N, C-alpha and C. Protein backbone atom coordinates (compact mmCIF):
# COMPACT_ATOMS: atom_id res chain seq x y z
N MET A 1 -89.14 68.83 13.43
CA MET A 1 -87.96 67.99 13.33
C MET A 1 -88.24 66.62 13.97
N GLU A 2 -87.84 65.57 13.28
CA GLU A 2 -88.03 64.23 13.82
C GLU A 2 -86.82 63.87 14.67
N TYR A 3 -87.08 63.30 15.84
CA TYR A 3 -86.02 62.84 16.74
C TYR A 3 -85.96 61.32 16.66
N ILE A 4 -84.76 60.84 16.40
CA ILE A 4 -84.57 59.42 16.08
C ILE A 4 -83.58 58.80 17.06
N LEU A 5 -83.95 57.63 17.57
CA LEU A 5 -83.03 56.88 18.43
C LEU A 5 -82.43 55.74 17.63
N ALA A 6 -81.08 55.65 17.67
CA ALA A 6 -80.35 54.65 16.90
C ALA A 6 -79.49 53.81 17.84
N PRO A 7 -80.07 52.79 18.47
CA PRO A 7 -79.29 51.95 19.38
C PRO A 7 -78.11 51.30 18.64
N SER A 8 -76.94 51.37 19.25
CA SER A 8 -75.74 50.80 18.66
C SER A 8 -75.59 49.35 19.08
N ILE A 9 -75.67 48.45 18.13
CA ILE A 9 -75.62 47.03 18.47
C ILE A 9 -74.21 46.59 18.85
N LEU A 10 -73.24 47.48 18.79
CA LEU A 10 -71.91 47.16 19.31
C LEU A 10 -71.99 46.80 20.80
N ALA A 11 -73.01 47.31 21.49
CA ALA A 11 -73.18 47.06 22.92
C ALA A 11 -74.19 45.95 23.20
N ALA A 12 -74.73 45.35 22.16
CA ALA A 12 -75.74 44.30 22.35
C ALA A 12 -75.08 42.99 22.79
N ASP A 13 -75.90 42.08 23.27
CA ASP A 13 -75.49 40.73 23.59
C ASP A 13 -75.56 39.93 22.29
N PHE A 14 -74.44 39.58 21.70
CA PHE A 14 -74.44 38.96 20.38
C PHE A 14 -75.08 37.58 20.37
N MET A 15 -75.16 36.93 21.53
CA MET A 15 -75.88 35.65 21.60
C MET A 15 -77.39 35.87 21.44
N ARG A 16 -77.84 37.11 21.69
CA ARG A 16 -79.27 37.42 21.63
C ARG A 16 -79.53 38.58 20.69
N LEU A 17 -78.71 38.74 19.66
CA LEU A 17 -78.74 39.93 18.83
C LEU A 17 -80.10 40.13 18.16
N GLY A 18 -80.64 39.10 17.53
CA GLY A 18 -81.94 39.25 16.87
C GLY A 18 -83.02 39.63 17.85
N GLU A 19 -83.02 38.99 18.99
CA GLU A 19 -84.02 39.28 20.04
C GLU A 19 -83.91 40.71 20.53
N GLN A 20 -82.68 41.19 20.70
CA GLN A 20 -82.50 42.55 21.22
C GLN A 20 -82.82 43.61 20.18
N ILE A 21 -82.52 43.35 18.92
CA ILE A 21 -82.92 44.28 17.86
C ILE A 21 -84.44 44.37 17.80
N GLU A 22 -85.10 43.24 17.90
CA GLU A 22 -86.56 43.23 17.92
C GLU A 22 -87.09 44.04 19.11
N ALA A 23 -86.42 43.92 20.25
CA ALA A 23 -86.87 44.63 21.46
C ALA A 23 -86.76 46.14 21.31
N VAL A 24 -85.67 46.64 20.72
CA VAL A 24 -85.54 48.09 20.58
C VAL A 24 -86.58 48.62 19.58
N GLY A 25 -86.87 47.82 18.56
CA GLY A 25 -87.88 48.23 17.59
C GLY A 25 -89.25 48.30 18.20
N LYS A 26 -89.61 47.29 18.98
CA LYS A 26 -90.91 47.27 19.62
C LYS A 26 -91.06 48.41 20.61
N ALA A 27 -89.94 48.81 21.22
CA ALA A 27 -89.98 49.91 22.19
C ALA A 27 -90.06 51.28 21.54
N GLY A 28 -89.82 51.36 20.22
CA GLY A 28 -89.98 52.63 19.52
C GLY A 28 -88.76 53.18 18.82
N ALA A 29 -87.60 52.54 18.98
CA ALA A 29 -86.41 53.01 18.25
C ALA A 29 -86.63 52.85 16.75
N GLN A 30 -86.16 53.83 15.98
CA GLN A 30 -86.39 53.81 14.53
C GLN A 30 -85.20 53.26 13.73
N TYR A 31 -84.00 53.41 14.27
CA TYR A 31 -82.80 53.00 13.57
C TYR A 31 -82.07 51.91 14.35
N VAL A 32 -81.22 51.18 13.65
CA VAL A 32 -80.18 50.36 14.27
C VAL A 32 -78.84 50.93 13.77
N HIS A 33 -77.98 51.27 14.73
CA HIS A 33 -76.67 51.82 14.37
C HIS A 33 -75.68 50.66 14.28
N TYR A 34 -75.02 50.57 13.13
CA TYR A 34 -74.18 49.42 12.81
C TYR A 34 -72.75 49.91 12.57
N ASP A 35 -71.89 49.68 13.54
CA ASP A 35 -70.50 50.16 13.47
C ASP A 35 -69.59 49.14 12.82
N VAL A 36 -68.91 49.56 11.78
CA VAL A 36 -67.97 48.69 11.06
C VAL A 36 -66.55 49.19 11.30
N MET A 37 -65.69 48.33 11.85
CA MET A 37 -64.31 48.70 12.16
C MET A 37 -63.37 47.72 11.49
N ASP A 38 -62.30 48.25 10.89
CA ASP A 38 -61.43 47.42 10.07
C ASP A 38 -60.10 47.05 10.70
N GLY A 39 -59.81 47.54 11.90
CA GLY A 39 -58.51 47.26 12.51
C GLY A 39 -57.38 48.06 11.93
N ILE A 40 -57.68 48.95 10.98
CA ILE A 40 -56.67 49.81 10.34
C ILE A 40 -56.97 51.28 10.62
N TYR A 41 -58.15 51.72 10.19
CA TYR A 41 -58.53 53.11 10.49
C TYR A 41 -58.70 53.30 11.99
N VAL A 42 -59.28 52.29 12.63
CA VAL A 42 -59.38 52.27 14.10
C VAL A 42 -58.74 50.95 14.57
N PRO A 43 -58.30 50.88 15.82
CA PRO A 43 -57.59 49.68 16.26
C PRO A 43 -58.46 48.43 16.36
N SER A 44 -59.74 48.61 16.61
CA SER A 44 -60.61 47.47 16.83
C SER A 44 -61.14 46.91 15.52
N ILE A 45 -61.62 45.67 15.59
CA ILE A 45 -62.32 45.02 14.49
C ILE A 45 -63.70 44.63 14.98
N SER A 46 -64.73 44.99 14.21
CA SER A 46 -66.10 44.64 14.64
C SER A 46 -66.67 43.66 13.63
N PHE A 47 -67.86 43.95 13.13
CA PHE A 47 -68.51 43.05 12.18
C PHE A 47 -68.61 43.70 10.82
N GLY A 48 -68.89 42.87 9.82
CA GLY A 48 -68.91 43.38 8.45
C GLY A 48 -70.14 42.96 7.68
N LEU A 49 -69.94 42.56 6.43
CA LEU A 49 -71.03 42.33 5.51
C LEU A 49 -71.92 41.13 5.85
N PRO A 50 -71.37 39.98 6.22
CA PRO A 50 -72.24 38.83 6.51
C PRO A 50 -73.21 39.09 7.65
N VAL A 51 -72.73 39.75 8.71
CA VAL A 51 -73.63 40.05 9.85
C VAL A 51 -74.69 41.05 9.43
N LEU A 52 -74.30 42.06 8.67
CA LEU A 52 -75.29 43.04 8.20
C LEU A 52 -76.37 42.35 7.38
N LYS A 53 -75.99 41.44 6.53
CA LYS A 53 -76.97 40.72 5.71
C LYS A 53 -77.95 39.94 6.58
N SER A 54 -77.45 39.34 7.63
CA SER A 54 -78.32 38.60 8.55
C SER A 54 -79.24 39.52 9.32
N VAL A 55 -78.70 40.66 9.77
CA VAL A 55 -79.52 41.64 10.49
C VAL A 55 -80.64 42.15 9.59
N ARG A 56 -80.31 42.42 8.33
CA ARG A 56 -81.31 42.92 7.38
C ARG A 56 -82.45 41.93 7.21
N LYS A 57 -82.16 40.66 7.20
CA LYS A 57 -83.20 39.64 7.06
C LYS A 57 -84.14 39.62 8.26
N GLY A 58 -83.63 40.05 9.42
CA GLY A 58 -84.40 39.93 10.64
C GLY A 58 -85.11 41.17 11.11
N THR A 59 -84.94 42.30 10.41
CA THR A 59 -85.57 43.54 10.88
C THR A 59 -85.92 44.46 9.72
N ASP A 60 -86.98 45.25 9.93
CA ASP A 60 -87.33 46.30 8.99
C ASP A 60 -86.84 47.66 9.44
N LEU A 61 -86.15 47.72 10.57
CA LEU A 61 -85.63 48.98 11.06
C LEU A 61 -84.59 49.55 10.08
N PHE A 62 -84.46 50.86 10.09
CA PHE A 62 -83.51 51.57 9.25
C PHE A 62 -82.09 51.20 9.72
N LEU A 63 -81.26 50.71 8.81
CA LEU A 63 -79.90 50.32 9.17
C LEU A 63 -78.91 51.44 8.85
N ASP A 64 -78.44 52.03 9.92
CA ASP A 64 -77.56 53.22 9.88
C ASP A 64 -76.12 52.74 10.01
N CYS A 65 -75.43 52.60 8.87
CA CYS A 65 -74.11 51.98 8.85
C CYS A 65 -73.01 53.03 8.91
N HIS A 66 -72.20 52.92 9.93
CA HIS A 66 -71.10 53.84 10.19
C HIS A 66 -69.80 53.11 9.87
N LEU A 67 -69.16 53.50 8.78
CA LEU A 67 -67.96 52.81 8.32
C LEU A 67 -66.72 53.46 8.88
N MET A 68 -66.17 52.86 9.90
CA MET A 68 -64.89 53.28 10.48
C MET A 68 -63.79 52.47 9.82
N ILE A 69 -63.67 52.68 8.49
CA ILE A 69 -62.72 51.88 7.71
C ILE A 69 -61.97 52.81 6.75
N MET A 70 -60.75 52.40 6.41
CA MET A 70 -59.96 53.16 5.47
C MET A 70 -60.46 52.93 4.04
N ASP A 71 -60.49 53.99 3.27
CA ASP A 71 -60.93 53.94 1.86
C ASP A 71 -62.28 53.26 1.71
N PRO A 72 -63.32 53.79 2.30
CA PRO A 72 -64.63 53.12 2.31
C PRO A 72 -65.29 53.00 0.95
N ASP A 73 -64.85 53.79 -0.01
CA ASP A 73 -65.45 53.73 -1.35
C ASP A 73 -65.42 52.31 -1.92
N ARG A 74 -64.45 51.52 -1.52
CA ARG A 74 -64.29 50.15 -2.04
C ARG A 74 -65.48 49.24 -1.71
N TYR A 75 -66.20 49.57 -0.64
CA TYR A 75 -67.21 48.64 -0.12
C TYR A 75 -68.64 49.18 -0.15
N ILE A 76 -68.85 50.36 -0.70
CA ILE A 76 -70.18 50.97 -0.65
C ILE A 76 -71.24 50.09 -1.30
N ASP A 77 -70.97 49.61 -2.50
CA ASP A 77 -71.98 48.80 -3.20
C ASP A 77 -72.31 47.54 -2.41
N GLU A 78 -71.31 46.91 -1.83
CA GLU A 78 -71.55 45.69 -1.06
C GLU A 78 -72.40 45.95 0.17
N PHE A 79 -72.13 47.05 0.86
CA PHE A 79 -72.94 47.36 2.05
C PHE A 79 -74.39 47.64 1.67
N VAL A 80 -74.61 48.32 0.57
CA VAL A 80 -75.97 48.58 0.13
C VAL A 80 -76.66 47.26 -0.27
N GLU A 81 -75.95 46.40 -0.96
CA GLU A 81 -76.51 45.11 -1.36
C GLU A 81 -76.88 44.26 -0.15
N CYS A 82 -76.15 44.42 0.94
CA CYS A 82 -76.42 43.64 2.15
C CYS A 82 -77.46 44.30 3.05
N GLY A 83 -77.96 45.48 2.67
CA GLY A 83 -79.09 46.05 3.39
C GLY A 83 -78.91 47.38 4.05
N ALA A 84 -77.77 48.05 3.88
CA ALA A 84 -77.57 49.36 4.49
C ALA A 84 -78.57 50.36 3.93
N ASP A 85 -79.25 51.09 4.81
CA ASP A 85 -80.13 52.17 4.39
C ASP A 85 -79.40 53.49 4.31
N SER A 86 -78.38 53.66 5.15
CA SER A 86 -77.54 54.84 5.08
C SER A 86 -76.11 54.41 5.31
N ILE A 87 -75.19 55.18 4.73
CA ILE A 87 -73.76 54.91 4.91
C ILE A 87 -73.09 56.22 5.30
N THR A 88 -72.41 56.18 6.42
CA THR A 88 -71.65 57.34 6.90
C THR A 88 -70.17 57.03 6.87
N VAL A 89 -69.40 57.94 6.28
CA VAL A 89 -67.96 57.73 6.14
C VAL A 89 -67.20 58.85 6.84
N HIS A 90 -65.98 58.55 7.22
CA HIS A 90 -65.12 59.52 7.90
C HIS A 90 -64.38 60.38 6.88
N VAL A 91 -64.41 61.68 7.12
CA VAL A 91 -63.72 62.59 6.22
C VAL A 91 -62.23 62.29 6.19
N GLU A 92 -61.69 61.80 7.30
CA GLU A 92 -60.24 61.52 7.38
C GLU A 92 -59.84 60.26 6.63
N ALA A 93 -60.83 59.38 6.31
CA ALA A 93 -60.51 58.06 5.78
C ALA A 93 -60.65 57.93 4.27
N CYS A 94 -61.21 58.93 3.61
CA CYS A 94 -61.50 58.84 2.18
C CYS A 94 -60.29 59.28 1.36
N ARG A 95 -59.28 58.43 1.33
CA ARG A 95 -58.02 58.81 0.70
C ARG A 95 -57.85 58.27 -0.70
N ASP A 96 -58.64 57.25 -1.07
CA ASP A 96 -58.44 56.65 -2.39
C ASP A 96 -59.09 57.49 -3.49
N THR A 97 -60.40 57.71 -3.37
CA THR A 97 -61.10 58.47 -4.40
C THR A 97 -61.43 59.89 -4.00
N GLY A 98 -61.20 60.22 -2.71
CA GLY A 98 -61.54 61.55 -2.23
C GLY A 98 -62.93 61.57 -1.60
N VAL A 99 -63.14 62.57 -0.76
CA VAL A 99 -64.39 62.65 0.00
C VAL A 99 -65.58 62.86 -0.92
N GLY A 100 -65.48 63.85 -1.80
CA GLY A 100 -66.61 64.17 -2.67
C GLY A 100 -67.03 63.00 -3.55
N SER A 101 -66.06 62.31 -4.13
CA SER A 101 -66.39 61.16 -4.99
C SER A 101 -67.00 60.03 -4.19
N THR A 102 -66.55 59.84 -2.96
CA THR A 102 -67.11 58.79 -2.10
C THR A 102 -68.56 59.10 -1.76
N LEU A 103 -68.83 60.37 -1.43
CA LEU A 103 -70.21 60.74 -1.12
C LEU A 103 -71.12 60.61 -2.34
N GLU A 104 -70.60 60.96 -3.50
CA GLU A 104 -71.38 60.80 -4.73
C GLU A 104 -71.67 59.33 -5.01
N HIS A 105 -70.73 58.47 -4.70
CA HIS A 105 -70.91 57.02 -4.88
C HIS A 105 -72.05 56.53 -3.97
N ILE A 106 -72.06 56.99 -2.74
CA ILE A 106 -73.14 56.61 -1.82
C ILE A 106 -74.47 57.04 -2.39
N ARG A 107 -74.54 58.26 -2.87
CA ARG A 107 -75.77 58.78 -3.48
C ARG A 107 -76.24 57.89 -4.64
N ARG A 108 -75.32 57.56 -5.52
CA ARG A 108 -75.66 56.72 -6.67
C ARG A 108 -76.15 55.34 -6.26
N SER A 109 -75.68 54.87 -5.14
CA SER A 109 -76.04 53.54 -4.67
C SER A 109 -77.49 53.47 -4.20
N GLY A 110 -78.09 54.63 -3.92
CA GLY A 110 -79.45 54.68 -3.44
C GLY A 110 -79.57 54.78 -1.94
N ALA A 111 -78.46 54.70 -1.23
CA ALA A 111 -78.48 54.83 0.23
C ALA A 111 -78.43 56.30 0.61
N LYS A 112 -78.91 56.60 1.81
CA LYS A 112 -78.71 57.93 2.36
C LYS A 112 -77.24 58.12 2.69
N CYS A 113 -76.81 59.36 2.71
CA CYS A 113 -75.40 59.68 2.73
C CYS A 113 -75.04 60.48 3.97
N GLY A 114 -74.02 60.02 4.70
CA GLY A 114 -73.57 60.73 5.88
C GLY A 114 -72.07 60.94 5.90
N ILE A 115 -71.66 61.94 6.62
CA ILE A 115 -70.23 62.22 6.81
C ILE A 115 -69.97 62.42 8.28
N THR A 116 -68.79 62.01 8.74
CA THR A 116 -68.44 62.18 10.13
C THR A 116 -66.98 62.61 10.28
N LEU A 117 -66.65 63.05 11.48
CA LEU A 117 -65.32 63.54 11.77
C LEU A 117 -64.95 63.18 13.20
N ASN A 118 -63.68 62.93 13.41
CA ASN A 118 -63.17 62.57 14.71
C ASN A 118 -63.15 63.76 15.65
N PRO A 119 -63.08 63.54 16.97
CA PRO A 119 -63.06 64.66 17.91
C PRO A 119 -61.97 65.70 17.65
N GLY A 120 -60.82 65.25 17.16
CA GLY A 120 -59.73 66.18 16.92
C GLY A 120 -59.76 66.88 15.57
N THR A 121 -60.74 66.55 14.74
CA THR A 121 -60.85 67.14 13.40
C THR A 121 -61.79 68.33 13.45
N PRO A 122 -61.38 69.48 12.92
CA PRO A 122 -62.26 70.66 12.97
C PRO A 122 -63.44 70.55 12.02
N VAL A 123 -64.52 71.21 12.35
CA VAL A 123 -65.72 71.20 11.51
C VAL A 123 -65.42 71.72 10.10
N SER A 124 -64.42 72.59 9.99
CA SER A 124 -64.07 73.13 8.68
C SER A 124 -63.70 72.05 7.68
N ALA A 125 -63.27 70.89 8.17
CA ALA A 125 -62.87 69.79 7.27
C ALA A 125 -64.06 69.22 6.52
N ILE A 126 -65.25 69.30 7.11
CA ILE A 126 -66.44 68.76 6.41
C ILE A 126 -67.30 69.85 5.79
N GLU A 127 -66.98 71.10 6.06
CA GLU A 127 -67.82 72.21 5.56
C GLU A 127 -68.05 72.17 4.06
N PRO A 128 -67.04 71.82 3.23
CA PRO A 128 -67.30 71.81 1.78
C PRO A 128 -68.31 70.77 1.33
N TYR A 129 -68.63 69.82 2.19
CA TYR A 129 -69.48 68.70 1.78
C TYR A 129 -70.87 68.73 2.42
N LEU A 130 -71.18 69.79 3.16
CA LEU A 130 -72.45 69.81 3.88
C LEU A 130 -73.67 69.82 2.97
N GLY A 131 -73.51 70.31 1.75
CA GLY A 131 -74.62 70.32 0.80
C GLY A 131 -74.83 68.98 0.12
N MET A 132 -73.95 68.02 0.38
CA MET A 132 -74.01 66.73 -0.30
C MET A 132 -74.58 65.63 0.57
N VAL A 133 -74.84 65.92 1.84
CA VAL A 133 -75.14 64.82 2.78
C VAL A 133 -76.54 64.95 3.40
N ASP A 134 -77.05 63.78 3.81
CA ASP A 134 -78.31 63.73 4.55
C ASP A 134 -78.10 63.84 6.05
N MET A 135 -76.88 63.52 6.48
CA MET A 135 -76.61 63.50 7.92
C MET A 135 -75.15 63.82 8.19
N VAL A 136 -74.92 64.54 9.28
CA VAL A 136 -73.58 64.73 9.80
C VAL A 136 -73.50 64.08 11.16
N LEU A 137 -72.54 63.17 11.30
CA LEU A 137 -72.33 62.49 12.58
C LEU A 137 -71.15 63.14 13.29
N VAL A 138 -71.39 63.60 14.49
CA VAL A 138 -70.32 64.17 15.33
C VAL A 138 -69.87 63.09 16.31
N MET A 139 -68.65 62.65 16.17
CA MET A 139 -68.10 61.69 17.11
C MET A 139 -67.79 62.39 18.42
N SER A 140 -68.41 61.89 19.49
CA SER A 140 -68.24 62.50 20.80
C SER A 140 -67.27 61.71 21.69
N VAL A 141 -66.66 60.68 21.09
CA VAL A 141 -65.55 59.94 21.69
C VAL A 141 -64.57 59.61 20.57
N GLU A 142 -63.39 59.11 20.93
CA GLU A 142 -62.47 58.64 19.91
C GLU A 142 -63.02 57.35 19.31
N PRO A 143 -63.10 57.22 18.01
CA PRO A 143 -63.73 56.05 17.41
C PRO A 143 -62.93 54.78 17.65
N GLY A 144 -63.66 53.68 17.77
CA GLY A 144 -62.98 52.40 17.86
C GLY A 144 -63.33 51.55 19.07
N PHE A 145 -63.84 52.20 20.12
CA PHE A 145 -64.14 51.45 21.34
C PHE A 145 -65.45 51.95 21.95
N GLY A 146 -66.27 51.03 22.46
CA GLY A 146 -67.48 51.41 23.16
C GLY A 146 -67.19 51.74 24.61
N GLY A 147 -68.18 52.33 25.28
CA GLY A 147 -68.08 52.56 26.71
C GLY A 147 -67.29 53.77 27.15
N GLN A 148 -66.92 54.65 26.23
CA GLN A 148 -66.16 55.85 26.59
C GLN A 148 -67.08 56.95 27.08
N LYS A 149 -66.50 57.90 27.80
CA LYS A 149 -67.24 59.06 28.29
C LYS A 149 -67.28 60.14 27.22
N LEU A 150 -68.44 60.77 27.06
CA LEU A 150 -68.61 61.84 26.08
C LEU A 150 -67.65 63.00 26.36
N LEU A 151 -66.98 63.48 25.33
CA LEU A 151 -66.04 64.58 25.45
C LEU A 151 -66.77 65.91 25.52
N ASN A 152 -66.36 66.76 26.44
CA ASN A 152 -67.00 68.07 26.61
C ASN A 152 -66.85 68.95 25.37
N SER A 153 -65.80 68.72 24.59
CA SER A 153 -65.57 69.51 23.38
C SER A 153 -66.66 69.29 22.33
N THR A 154 -67.45 68.25 22.53
CA THR A 154 -68.52 67.95 21.58
C THR A 154 -69.51 69.10 21.45
N TYR A 155 -69.81 69.76 22.54
CA TYR A 155 -70.86 70.78 22.53
C TYR A 155 -70.47 71.99 21.68
N ALA A 156 -69.20 72.39 21.73
CA ALA A 156 -68.76 73.52 20.89
C ALA A 156 -68.82 73.13 19.42
N LYS A 157 -68.47 71.89 19.13
CA LYS A 157 -68.52 71.43 17.73
C LYS A 157 -69.96 71.39 17.23
N LEU A 158 -70.88 70.94 18.08
CA LEU A 158 -72.30 70.93 17.71
C LEU A 158 -72.82 72.34 17.45
N ALA A 159 -72.40 73.28 18.28
CA ALA A 159 -72.85 74.66 18.12
C ALA A 159 -72.35 75.23 16.78
N GLU A 160 -71.12 74.94 16.44
CA GLU A 160 -70.56 75.41 15.16
C GLU A 160 -71.30 74.77 13.99
N LEU A 161 -71.55 73.49 14.07
CA LEU A 161 -72.26 72.79 13.00
C LEU A 161 -73.68 73.29 12.85
N ARG A 162 -74.33 73.50 13.95
CA ARG A 162 -75.72 74.00 13.91
C ARG A 162 -75.79 75.36 13.24
N GLU A 163 -74.80 76.21 13.50
CA GLU A 163 -74.79 77.54 12.90
C GLU A 163 -74.53 77.45 11.39
N LEU A 164 -73.64 76.55 10.99
CA LEU A 164 -73.39 76.36 9.56
C LEU A 164 -74.64 75.84 8.86
N LYS A 165 -75.37 74.96 9.53
CA LYS A 165 -76.60 74.45 8.97
C LYS A 165 -77.61 75.56 8.78
N ARG A 166 -77.72 76.43 9.75
CA ARG A 166 -78.65 77.56 9.68
C ARG A 166 -78.26 78.51 8.55
N LEU A 167 -76.99 78.87 8.52
CA LEU A 167 -76.54 79.86 7.54
C LEU A 167 -76.65 79.31 6.11
N GLY A 168 -76.40 78.01 5.94
CA GLY A 168 -76.44 77.43 4.61
C GLY A 168 -77.82 76.97 4.18
N GLY A 169 -78.78 77.00 5.11
CA GLY A 169 -80.11 76.51 4.80
C GLY A 169 -80.13 75.02 4.50
N TYR A 170 -79.23 74.28 5.13
CA TYR A 170 -79.13 72.84 4.89
C TYR A 170 -80.22 72.08 5.67
N GLY A 171 -80.52 70.89 5.20
CA GLY A 171 -81.54 70.08 5.86
C GLY A 171 -81.01 68.80 6.48
N PHE A 172 -79.69 68.67 6.62
CA PHE A 172 -79.13 67.42 7.14
C PHE A 172 -79.48 67.20 8.61
N ASP A 173 -79.59 65.93 8.97
CA ASP A 173 -79.74 65.55 10.37
C ASP A 173 -78.40 65.70 11.07
N ILE A 174 -78.45 65.94 12.36
CA ILE A 174 -77.23 65.97 13.17
C ILE A 174 -77.29 64.78 14.13
N GLU A 175 -76.31 63.90 13.99
CA GLU A 175 -76.22 62.69 14.78
C GLU A 175 -75.02 62.79 15.72
N VAL A 176 -75.15 62.19 16.90
CA VAL A 176 -74.02 62.14 17.83
C VAL A 176 -73.82 60.71 18.26
N ASP A 177 -72.55 60.32 18.42
CA ASP A 177 -72.22 58.94 18.74
C ASP A 177 -71.07 58.89 19.70
N GLY A 178 -71.32 58.27 20.86
CA GLY A 178 -70.24 58.05 21.81
C GLY A 178 -70.53 58.63 23.18
N GLY A 179 -70.71 57.76 24.15
CA GLY A 179 -70.90 58.23 25.53
C GLY A 179 -72.22 58.88 25.81
N VAL A 180 -73.23 58.64 24.98
CA VAL A 180 -74.54 59.28 25.17
C VAL A 180 -75.31 58.48 26.23
N THR A 181 -75.75 59.19 27.26
CA THR A 181 -76.47 58.58 28.36
C THR A 181 -77.72 59.40 28.68
N LYS A 182 -78.52 58.90 29.59
CA LYS A 182 -79.70 59.64 30.03
C LYS A 182 -79.29 60.95 30.71
N ASP A 183 -78.10 61.01 31.25
CA ASP A 183 -77.64 62.20 31.96
C ASP A 183 -77.25 63.35 31.04
N ASN A 184 -76.74 63.04 29.84
CA ASN A 184 -76.32 64.13 28.94
C ASN A 184 -77.22 64.29 27.72
N LEU A 185 -78.23 63.45 27.61
CA LEU A 185 -79.11 63.49 26.44
C LEU A 185 -79.81 64.83 26.29
N ALA A 186 -80.32 65.37 27.37
CA ALA A 186 -81.07 66.64 27.27
C ALA A 186 -80.20 67.76 26.71
N GLU A 187 -78.96 67.84 27.17
CA GLU A 187 -78.08 68.90 26.68
C GLU A 187 -77.75 68.70 25.21
N LEU A 188 -77.60 67.45 24.80
CA LEU A 188 -77.30 67.17 23.39
C LEU A 188 -78.47 67.55 22.49
N VAL A 189 -79.68 67.23 22.93
CA VAL A 189 -80.87 67.59 22.15
C VAL A 189 -80.99 69.10 22.05
N ARG A 190 -80.76 69.79 23.14
CA ARG A 190 -80.84 71.26 23.10
C ARG A 190 -79.74 71.85 22.23
N ALA A 191 -78.64 71.11 22.04
CA ALA A 191 -77.54 71.59 21.19
C ALA A 191 -77.80 71.35 19.70
N GLY A 192 -78.92 70.69 19.38
CA GLY A 192 -79.29 70.53 17.98
C GLY A 192 -79.26 69.12 17.45
N VAL A 193 -78.89 68.15 18.28
CA VAL A 193 -78.85 66.76 17.83
C VAL A 193 -80.27 66.20 17.67
N ASN A 194 -80.52 65.52 16.56
CA ASN A 194 -81.82 64.87 16.41
C ASN A 194 -81.76 63.39 16.08
N VAL A 195 -80.54 62.86 15.87
CA VAL A 195 -80.34 61.42 15.74
C VAL A 195 -79.37 61.00 16.82
N ILE A 196 -79.85 60.17 17.73
CA ILE A 196 -79.09 59.85 18.94
C ILE A 196 -78.64 58.41 18.90
N VAL A 197 -77.33 58.21 18.90
CA VAL A 197 -76.75 56.86 18.97
C VAL A 197 -76.39 56.59 20.43
N SER A 198 -76.80 55.43 20.91
CA SER A 198 -76.42 55.02 22.26
C SER A 198 -76.34 53.50 22.30
N GLY A 199 -75.34 53.01 23.00
CA GLY A 199 -75.14 51.57 23.09
C GLY A 199 -75.47 51.02 24.46
N SER A 200 -74.52 51.18 25.38
CA SER A 200 -74.68 50.60 26.71
C SER A 200 -75.92 51.11 27.43
N SER A 201 -76.24 52.37 27.26
CA SER A 201 -77.39 52.94 27.96
C SER A 201 -78.73 52.41 27.45
N ILE A 202 -78.70 51.77 26.31
CA ILE A 202 -79.91 51.13 25.77
C ILE A 202 -79.93 49.63 26.07
N PHE A 203 -78.81 48.95 25.81
CA PHE A 203 -78.80 47.50 25.86
C PHE A 203 -78.52 46.91 27.24
N LYS A 204 -78.01 47.72 28.16
CA LYS A 204 -77.76 47.20 29.50
C LYS A 204 -78.99 47.39 30.38
N GLY A 205 -79.50 46.30 30.93
CA GLY A 205 -80.69 46.39 31.76
C GLY A 205 -81.95 46.17 30.94
N ASP A 206 -83.00 46.89 31.30
CA ASP A 206 -84.31 46.74 30.67
C ASP A 206 -84.35 47.57 29.38
N ILE A 207 -84.26 46.91 28.25
CA ILE A 207 -84.17 47.62 26.96
C ILE A 207 -85.41 48.48 26.72
N GLU A 208 -86.57 47.91 26.92
CA GLU A 208 -87.81 48.68 26.68
C GLU A 208 -87.87 49.93 27.55
N ALA A 209 -87.55 49.78 28.83
CA ALA A 209 -87.58 50.91 29.75
C ALA A 209 -86.55 51.97 29.36
N ASN A 210 -85.37 51.52 28.93
CA ASN A 210 -84.32 52.45 28.54
C ASN A 210 -84.74 53.27 27.33
N VAL A 211 -85.31 52.60 26.32
CA VAL A 211 -85.76 53.31 25.13
C VAL A 211 -86.84 54.32 25.48
N LYS A 212 -87.77 53.93 26.30
CA LYS A 212 -88.86 54.83 26.68
C LYS A 212 -88.32 56.02 27.48
N ASP A 213 -87.34 55.78 28.34
CA ASP A 213 -86.73 56.87 29.10
C ASP A 213 -86.05 57.87 28.17
N PHE A 214 -85.35 57.36 27.14
CA PHE A 214 -84.70 58.26 26.18
C PHE A 214 -85.73 59.15 25.48
N PHE A 215 -86.82 58.55 25.03
CA PHE A 215 -87.82 59.34 24.32
C PHE A 215 -88.53 60.32 25.26
N GLU A 216 -88.67 59.98 26.50
CA GLU A 216 -89.28 60.89 27.47
C GLU A 216 -88.39 62.11 27.68
N ILE A 217 -87.08 61.89 27.77
CA ILE A 217 -86.15 63.02 27.92
C ILE A 217 -86.18 63.88 26.68
N ILE A 218 -86.23 63.28 25.51
CA ILE A 218 -86.30 64.05 24.25
C ILE A 218 -87.57 64.90 24.26
N LYS A 219 -88.67 64.29 24.61
CA LYS A 219 -89.96 65.00 24.63
C LYS A 219 -89.93 66.19 25.57
N GLU A 220 -89.33 66.02 26.75
CA GLU A 220 -89.30 67.08 27.74
C GLU A 220 -88.43 68.25 27.31
N ASN A 221 -87.47 67.98 26.42
CA ASN A 221 -86.51 69.03 26.01
C ASN A 221 -86.76 69.56 24.62
N THR A 222 -87.89 69.20 24.02
CA THR A 222 -88.23 69.70 22.69
C THR A 222 -89.62 70.29 22.63
N LYS A 223 -90.14 70.65 23.79
CA LYS A 223 -91.48 71.24 23.84
C LYS A 223 -91.44 72.68 23.32
């Protein structure tokens, strides 16, 4: 199993965004996690298509786009055109065309396909779609704001998802997003997570040292 670090640029210094994306790549991170918020599905507003297009021009890293927006089907083609390598949508937000049709649209676009669910949403809500996706993102905080503490309920949800993956013979990656730090990383990896999103714990302080510390913890817990 490949273990992937996806630094969330929501926590980056936007005055130095290109420089910091380059730094995480040089340190060994494989993905850039790109959070899109519309002010409707979640209270906050982040960045959208123009910034993604600029980021794509400046990096070859895999762009992992997490759409925290209502009715995401409307924008899938535009995000792919602007450089998204994967698109992850919320099961709760696909109200216009439905979850299945939205996932099929992502597939047709050529991007990798992900589904996610909020902390209060049961895993059963995404179970019908597990055979359609490349990745399942488990939100370990309430979506919309950075800097939150990881919810303890995340571990039970990961255990349930991991068992469904085993029983179904699925090959999807398991990603976690929200409150991931050096202190809880080991437990998350042991719980089955292989794509790790982290913001503040990567971008605050020495970026290169932080990335290397994350990979060292992963290595120690996957022997």
